[in-house]
Amino acid sequence: MKVTEIREWDNVEITARLEELKEEHFRLRFQAATMTLDNPKMIQGIRRDLARLKTVLRERQINTRSEKDGLS
């Protein structure tokens, strides 16, 4: 998933995807702990996607706050 794609989504879609990825990350960590994970790189990819989603949400929060304060 690319940041340009994420920026096209609204906050509801981003939040929903964030929750899905958190659940998937939990399952993969559990599989890794029990040695049944096929591809360990998947955990790294999900962590990066989570970070991208959180970054876009934070950027929007900062932009909204600066617009309210009249700083933009």
PDB file of N, CA and C in Angstrom:
ATOM      1  N   MET A   1       0.848  -1.158   0.000  1.00  0.00           N
ATOM      2  CA  MET A   1       0.000   0.000   0.000  1.00  0.00           C
ATOM      3  C   MET A   1       0.899   1.228   0.000  1.00  0.00           C
ATOM      4  N   LYS A   2       0.551   2.182  -0.825  1.00  0.00           N
ATOM      5  CA  LYS A   2       1.362   3.378  -0.975  1.00  0.00           C
ATOM      6  C   LYS A   2       0.688   4.559  -0.278  1.00  0.00           C
ATOM      7  N   VAL A   3       1.504   5.524   0.093  1.00  0.00           N
ATOM      8  CA  VAL A   3       0.997   6.701   0.800  1.00  0.00           C
ATOM      9  C   VAL A   3       0.050   7.503  -0.093  1.00  0.00           C
ATOM     10  N   THR A   4       0.323   7.548  -1.388  1.00  0.00           N
ATOM     11  CA  THR A   4      -0.559   8.287  -2.292  1.00  0.00           C
ATOM     12  C   THR A   4      -1.955   7.674  -2.313  1.00  0.00           C
ATOM     13  N   GLU A   5      -2.037   6.343  -2.235  1.00  0.00           N
ATOM     14  CA  GLU A   5      -3.337   5.673  -2.178  1.00  0.00           C
ATOM     15  C   GLU A   5      -4.047   6.002  -0.868  1.00  0.00           C
ATOM     16  N   ILE A   6      -3.296   5.977   0.214  1.00  0.00           N
ATOM     17  CA  ILE A   6      -3.881   6.210   1.533  1.00  0.00           C
ATOM     18  C   ILE A   6      -4.428   7.630   1.631  1.00  0.00           C
ATOM     19  N   ARG A   7      -3.726   8.578   1.059  1.00  0.00           N
ATOM     20  CA  ARG A   7      -4.161   9.978   1.133  1.00  0.00           C
ATOM     21  C   ARG A   7      -5.473  10.213   0.399  1.00  0.00           C
ATOM     22  N   GLU A   8      -5.817   9.336  -0.528  1.00  0.00           N
ATOM     23  CA  GLU A   8      -7.087   9.454  -1.251  1.00  0.00           C
ATOM     24  C   GLU A   8      -8.266   8.967  -0.409  1.00  0.00           C
ATOM     25  N   TRP A   9      -8.002   8.172   0.614  1.00  0.00           N
ATOM     26  CA  TRP A   9      -9.054   7.635   1.470  1.00  0.00           C
ATOM     27  C   TRP A   9      -9.497   8.683   2.480  1.00  0.00           C
ATOM     28  N   ASP A  10     -10.716   8.515   2.984  1.00  0.00           N
ATOM     29  CA  ASP A  10     -11.157   9.392   4.073  1.00  0.00           C
ATOM     30  C   ASP A  10     -10.763   8.759   5.409  1.00  0.00           C
ATOM     31  N   ASN A  11     -10.950   9.507   6.481  1.00  0.00           N
ATOM     32  CA  ASN A  11     -10.496   9.063   7.802  1.00  0.00           C
ATOM     33  C   ASN A  11     -11.185   7.781   8.264  1.00  0.00           C
ATOM     34  N   VAL A  12     -12.425   7.590   7.879  1.00  0.00           N
ATOM     35  CA  VAL A  12     -13.158   6.390   8.282  1.00  0.00           C
ATOM     36  C   VAL A  12     -12.526   5.145   7.656  1.00  0.00           C
ATOM     37  N   GLU A  13     -12.191   5.245   6.383  1.00  0.00           N
ATOM     38  CA  GLU A  13     -11.552   4.112   5.702  1.00  0.00           C
ATOM     39  C   GLU A  13     -10.183   3.812   6.304  1.00  0.00           C
ATOM     40  N   ILE A  14      -9.437   4.853   6.592  1.00  0.00           N
ATOM     41  CA  ILE A  14      -8.107   4.663   7.168  1.00  0.00           C
ATOM     42  C   ILE A  14      -8.216   4.007   8.538  1.00  0.00           C
ATOM     43  N   THR A  15      -9.137   4.473   9.354  1.00  0.00           N
ATOM     44  CA  THR A  15      -9.308   3.912  10.689  1.00  0.00           C
ATOM     45  C   THR A  15      -9.740   2.449  10.619  1.00  0.00           C
ATOM     46  N   ALA A  16     -10.632   2.127   9.696  1.00  0.00           N
ATOM     47  CA  ALA A  16     -11.083   0.742   9.539  1.00  0.00           C
ATOM     48  C   ALA A  16      -9.917  -0.147   9.116  1.00  0.00           C
ATOM     49  N   ARG A  17      -9.136   0.309   8.166  1.00  0.00           N
ATOM     50  CA  ARG A  17      -7.981  -0.478   7.712  1.00  0.00           C
ATOM     51  C   ARG A  17      -6.940  -0.620   8.819  1.00  0.00           C
ATOM     52  N   LEU A  18      -6.798   0.421   9.614  1.00  0.00           N
ATOM     53  CA  LEU A  18      -5.862   0.387  10.740  1.00  0.00           C
ATOM     54  C   LEU A  18      -6.251  -0.707  11.728  1.00  0.00           C
ATOM     55  N   GLU A  19      -7.525  -0.817  12.033  1.00  0.00           N
ATOM     56  CA  GLU A  19      -8.002  -1.856  12.954  1.00  0.00           C
ATOM     57  C   GLU A  19      -7.796  -3.251  12.366  1.00  0.00           C
ATOM     58  N   GLU A  20      -8.059  -3.403  11.058  1.00  0.00           N
ATOM     59  CA  GLU A  20      -7.842  -4.697  10.417  1.00  0.00           C
ATOM     60  C   GLU A  20      -6.371  -5.114  10.501  1.00  0.00           C
ATOM     61  N   LEU A  21      -5.492  -4.170  10.218  1.00  0.00           N
ATOM     62  CA  LEU A  21      -4.064  -4.487  10.244  1.00  0.00           C
ATOM     63  C   LEU A  21      -3.569  -4.781  11.653  1.00  0.00           C
ATOM     64  N   LYS A  22      -4.130  -4.114  12.654  1.00  0.00           N
ATOM     65  CA  LYS A  22      -3.746  -4.404  14.036  1.00  0.00           C
ATOM     66  C   LYS A  22      -4.104  -5.846  14.401  1.00  0.00           C
ATOM     67  N   GLU A  23      -5.297  -6.274  13.993  1.00  0.00           N
ATOM     68  CA  GLU A  23      -5.715  -7.648  14.265  1.00  0.00           C
ATOM     69  C   GLU A  23      -4.827  -8.649  13.518  1.00  0.00           C
ATOM     70  N   GLU A  24      -4.521  -8.347  12.272  1.00  0.00           N
ATOM     71  CA  GLU A  24      -3.674  -9.242  11.485  1.00  0.00           C
ATOM     72  C   GLU A  24      -2.259  -9.291  12.069  1.00  0.00           C
ATOM     73  N   HIS A  25      -1.754  -8.168  12.522  1.00  0.00           N
ATOM     74  CA  HIS A  25      -0.428  -8.108  13.142  1.00  0.00           C
ATOM     75  C   HIS A  25      -0.401  -8.978  14.396  1.00  0.00           C
ATOM     76  N   PHE A  26      -1.464  -8.915  15.185  1.00  0.00           N
ATOM     77  CA  PHE A  26      -1.555  -9.744  16.385  1.00  0.00           C
ATOM     78  C   PHE A  26      -1.509 -11.222  16.029  1.00  0.00           C
ATOM     79  N   ARG A  27      -2.292 -11.624  15.018  1.00  0.00           N
ATOM     80  CA  ARG A  27      -2.315 -13.028  14.605  1.00  0.00           C
ATOM     81  C   ARG A  27      -0.947 -13.487  14.110  1.00  0.00           C
ATOM     82  N   LEU A  28      -0.292 -12.644  13.330  1.00  0.00           N
ATOM     83  CA  LEU A  28       1.024 -13.021  12.811  1.00  0.00           C
ATOM     84  C   LEU A  28       2.063 -13.117  13.921  1.00  0.00           C
ATOM     85  N   ARG A  29       1.996 -12.226  14.894  1.00  0.00           N
ATOM     86  CA  ARG A  29       2.926 -12.308  16.019  1.00  0.00           C
ATOM     87  C   ARG A  29       2.698 -13.588  16.800  1.00  0.00           C
ATOM     88  N   PHE A  30       1.448 -13.973  16.952  1.00  0.00           N
ATOM     89  CA  PHE A  30       1.116 -15.212  17.650  1.00  0.00           C
ATOM     90  C   PHE A  30       1.661 -16.407  16.879  1.00  0.00           C
ATOM     91  N   GLN A  31       1.494 -16.403  15.559  1.00  0.00           N
ATOM     92  CA  GLN A  31       2.017 -17.490  14.738  1.00  0.00           C
ATOM     93  C   GLN A  31       3.534 -17.549  14.808  1.00  0.00           C
ATOM     94  N   ALA A  32       4.177 -16.403  14.847  1.00  0.00           N
ATOM     95  CA  ALA A  32       5.637 -16.372  14.933  1.00  0.00           C
ATOM     96  C   ALA A  32       6.110 -16.953  16.262  1.00  0.00           C
ATOM     97  N   ALA A  33       5.362 -16.690  17.320  1.00  0.00           N
ATOM     98  CA  ALA A  33       5.730 -17.204  18.635  1.00  0.00           C
ATOM     99  C   ALA A  33       5.576 -18.717  18.706  1.00  0.00           C
ATOM    100  N   THR A  34       4.622 -19.251  17.960  1.00  0.00           N
ATOM    101  CA  THR A  34       4.400 -20.699  17.978  1.00  0.00           C
ATOM    102  C   THR A  34       5.110 -21.411  16.826  1.00  0.00           C
ATOM    103  N   MET A  35       5.932 -20.674  16.105  1.00  0.00           N
ATOM    104  CA  MET A  35       6.745 -21.216  15.007  1.00  0.00           C
ATOM    105  C   MET A  35       5.909 -21.779  13.851  1.00  0.00           C
ATOM    106  N   THR A  36       4.750 -21.214  13.583  1.00  0.00           N
ATOM    107  CA  THR A  36       3.937 -21.677  12.457  1.00  0.00           C
ATOM    108  C   THR A  36       3.814 -20.620  11.372  1.00  0.00           C
ATOM    109  N   LEU A  37       4.609 -19.563  11.455  1.00  0.00           N
ATOM    110  CA  LEU A  37       4.541 -18.483  10.477  1.00  0.00           C
ATOM    111  C   LEU A  37       5.348 -18.872   9.240  1.00  0.00           C
ATOM    112  N   ASP A  38       4.714 -18.773   8.063  1.00  0.00           N
ATOM    113  CA  ASP A  38       5.378 -19.155   6.820  1.00  0.00           C
ATOM    114  C   ASP A  38       6.356 -18.095   6.343  1.00  0.00           C
ATOM    115  N   ASN A  39       5.942 -16.832   6.409  1.00  0.00           N
ATOM    116  CA  ASN A  39       6.757 -15.747   5.876  1.00  0.00           C
ATOM    117  C   ASN A  39       6.947 -14.661   6.942  1.00  0.00           C
ATOM    118  N   PRO A  40       8.067 -14.636   7.624  1.00  0.00           N
ATOM    119  CA  PRO A  40       8.301 -13.649   8.680  1.00  0.00           C
ATOM    120  C   PRO A  40       8.341 -12.205   8.178  1.00  0.00           C
ATOM    121  N   LYS A  41       8.606 -12.004   6.904  1.00  0.00           N
ATOM    122  CA  LYS A  41       8.647 -10.651   6.339  1.00  0.00           C
ATOM    123  C   LYS A  41       7.268  -9.985   6.341  1.00  0.00           C
ATOM    124  N   MET A  42       6.220 -10.783   6.449  1.00  0.00           N
ATOM    125  CA  MET A  42       4.873 -10.219   6.470  1.00  0.00           C
ATOM    126  C   MET A  42       4.681  -9.308   7.677  1.00  0.00           C
ATOM    127  N   ILE A  43       5.279  -9.654   8.790  1.00  0.00           N
ATOM    128  CA  ILE A  43       5.157  -8.831   9.999  1.00  0.00           C
ATOM    129  C   ILE A  43       5.754  -7.458   9.745  1.00  0.00           C
ATOM    130  N   GLN A  44       6.906  -7.425   9.112  1.00  0.00           N
ATOM    131  CA  GLN A  44       7.562  -6.157   8.812  1.00  0.00           C
ATOM    132  C   GLN A  44       6.706  -5.306   7.876  1.00  0.00           C
ATOM    133  N   GLY A  45       6.118  -5.912   6.867  1.00  0.00           N
ATOM    134  CA  GLY A  45       5.266  -5.187   5.927  1.00  0.00           C
ATOM    135  C   GLY A  45       4.040  -4.603   6.601  1.00  0.00           C
ATOM    136  N   ILE A  46       3.431  -5.360   7.492  1.00  0.00           N
ATOM    137  CA  ILE A  46       2.246  -4.879   8.191  1.00  0.00           C
ATOM    138  C   ILE A  46       2.613  -3.732   9.131  1.00  0.00           C
ATOM    139  N   ARG A  47       3.756  -3.854   9.806  1.00  0.00           N
ATOM    140  CA  ARG A  47       4.198  -2.777  10.688  1.00  0.00           C
ATOM    141  C   ARG A  47       4.403  -1.483   9.903  1.00  0.00           C
ATOM    142  N   ARG A  48       4.949  -1.603   8.718  1.00  0.00           N
ATOM    143  CA  ARG A  48       5.172  -0.414   7.882  1.00  0.00           C
ATOM    144  C   ARG A  48       3.859   0.175   7.401  1.00  0.00           C
ATOM    145  N   ASP A  49       2.909  -0.682   7.029  1.00  0.00           N
ATOM    146  CA  ASP A  49       1.594  -0.193   6.617  1.00  0.00           C
ATOM    147  C   ASP A  49       0.892   0.506   7.777  1.00  0.00           C
ATOM    148  N   LEU A  50       1.002  -0.063   8.973  1.00  0.00           N
ATOM    149  CA  LEU A  50       0.422   0.584  10.150  1.00  0.00           C
ATOM    150  C   LEU A  50       1.033   1.967  10.349  1.00  0.00           C
ATOM    151  N   ALA A  51       2.332   2.069  10.210  1.00  0.00           N
ATOM    152  CA  ALA A  51       3.010   3.351  10.380  1.00  0.00           C
ATOM    153  C   ALA A  51       2.559   4.355   9.326  1.00  0.00           C
ATOM    154  N   ARG A  52       2.382   3.900   8.098  1.00  0.00           N
ATOM    155  CA  ARG A  52       1.918   4.800   7.031  1.00  0.00           C
ATOM    156  C   ARG A  52       0.523   5.340   7.334  1.00  0.00           C
ATOM    157  N   LEU A  53      -0.362   4.448   7.770  1.00  0.00           N
ATOM    158  CA  LEU A  53      -1.727   4.867   8.084  1.00  0.00           C
ATOM    159  C   LEU A  53      -1.736   5.872   9.232  1.00  0.00           C
ATOM    160  N   LYS A  54      -0.969   5.578  10.270  1.00  0.00           N
ATOM    161  CA  LYS A  54      -0.912   6.483  11.416  1.00  0.00           C
ATOM    162  C   LYS A  54      -0.304   7.831  11.035  1.00  0.00           C
ATOM    163  N   THR A  55       0.666   7.812  10.146  1.00  0.00           N
ATOM    164  CA  THR A  55       1.302   9.049   9.707  1.00  0.00           C
ATOM    165  C   THR A  55       0.318   9.938   8.963  1.00  0.00           C
ATOM    166  N   VAL A  56      -0.462   9.361   8.064  1.00  0.00           N
ATOM    167  CA  VAL A  56      -1.438  10.141   7.303  1.00  0.00           C
ATOM    168  C   VAL A  56      -2.498  10.716   8.239  1.00  0.00           C
ATOM    169  N   LEU A  57      -2.973   9.918   9.199  1.00  0.00           N
ATOM    170  CA  LEU A  57      -3.946  10.428  10.160  1.00  0.00           C
ATOM    171  C   LEU A  57      -3.367  11.584  10.969  1.00  0.00           C
ATOM    172  N   ARG A  58      -2.128  11.455  11.390  1.00  0.00           N
ATOM    173  CA  ARG A  58      -1.476  12.510  12.168  1.00  0.00           C
ATOM    174  C   ARG A  58      -1.275  13.769  11.328  1.00  0.00           C
ATOM    175  N   GLU A  59      -0.899  13.620  10.066  1.00  0.00           N
ATOM    176  CA  GLU A  59      -0.752  14.780   9.185  1.00  0.00           C
ATOM    177  C   GLU A  59      -2.069  15.532   9.065  1.00  0.00           C
ATOM    178  N   ARG A  60      -3.143  14.792   8.915  1.00  0.00           N
ATOM    179  CA  ARG A  60      -4.459  15.434   8.796  1.00  0.00           C
ATOM    180  C   ARG A  60      -4.848  16.130  10.090  1.00  0.00           C
ATOM    181  N   GLN A  61      -4.521  15.521  11.211  1.00  0.00           N
ATOM    182  CA  GLN A  61      -4.818  16.133  12.501  1.00  0.00           C
ATOM    183  C   GLN A  61      -4.050  17.447  12.662  1.00  0.00           C
ATOM    184  N   ILE A  62      -2.792  17.449  12.294  1.00  0.00           N
ATOM    185  CA  ILE A  62      -1.979  18.660  12.397  1.00  0.00           C
ATOM    186  C   ILE A  62      -2.492  19.739  11.450  1.00  0.00           C
ATOM    187  N   ASN A  63      -2.855  19.358  10.219  1.00  0.00           N
ATOM    188  CA  ASN A  63      -3.380  20.329   9.260  1.00  0.00           C
ATOM    189  C   ASN A  63      -4.687  20.933   9.738  1.00  0.00           C
ATOM    190  N   THR A  64      -5.544  20.118  10.315  1.00  0.00           N
ATOM    191  CA  THR A  64      -6.820  20.614  10.829  1.00  0.00           C
ATOM    192  C   THR A  64      -6.589  21.597  11.969  1.00  0.00           C
ATOM    193  N   ARG A  65      -5.680  21.246  12.847  1.00  0.00           N
ATOM    194  CA  ARG A  65      -5.383  22.108  13.987  1.00  0.00           C
ATOM    195  C   ARG A  65      -4.788  23.440  13.530  1.00  0.00           C
ATOM    196  N   SER A  66      -3.892  23.404  12.555  1.00  0.00           N
ATOM    197  CA  SER A  66      -3.256  24.639  12.085  1.00  0.00           C
ATOM    198  C   SER A  66      -4.258  25.510  11.333  1.00  0.00           C
ATOM    199  N   GLU A  67      -5.219  24.894  10.650  1.00  0.00           N
ATOM    200  CA  GLU A  67      -6.250  25.675   9.964  1.00  0.00           C
ATOM    201  C   GLU A  67      -7.175  26.357  10.968  1.00  0.00           C
ATOM    202  N   LYS A  68      -7.452  25.672  12.069  1.00  0.00           N
ATOM    203  CA  LYS A  68      -8.283  26.276  13.120  1.00  0.00           C
ATOM    204  C   LYS A  68      -7.588  27.474  13.751  1.00  0.00           C
ATOM    205  N   ASP A  69      -6.284  27.350  13.945  1.00  0.00           N
ATOM    206  CA  ASP A  69      -5.536  28.425  14.554  1.00  0.00           C
ATOM    207  C   ASP A  69      -5.206  29.546  13.581  1.00  0.00           C
ATOM    208  N   GLY A  70      -5.462  29.325  12.312  1.00  0.00           N
ATOM    209  CA  GLY A  70      -5.187  30.344  11.293  1.00  0.00           C
ATOM    210  C   GLY A  70      -3.722  30.447  10.956  1.00  0.00           C
ATOM    211  N   LEU A  71      -2.984  29.365  11.104  1.00  0.00           N
ATOM    212  CA  LEU A  71      -1.556  29.394  10.847  1.00  0.00           C
ATOM    213  C   LEU A  71      -1.182  28.989   9.435  1.00  0.00           C
ATOM    214  N   SER A  72      -2.122  28.472   8.653  1.00  0.00           N
ATOM    215  CA  SER A  72      -1.726  28.016   7.322  1.00  0.00           C
ATOM    216  C   SER A  72      -1.843  29.075   6.274  1.00  0.00           C
TER     217      SER A  72
END
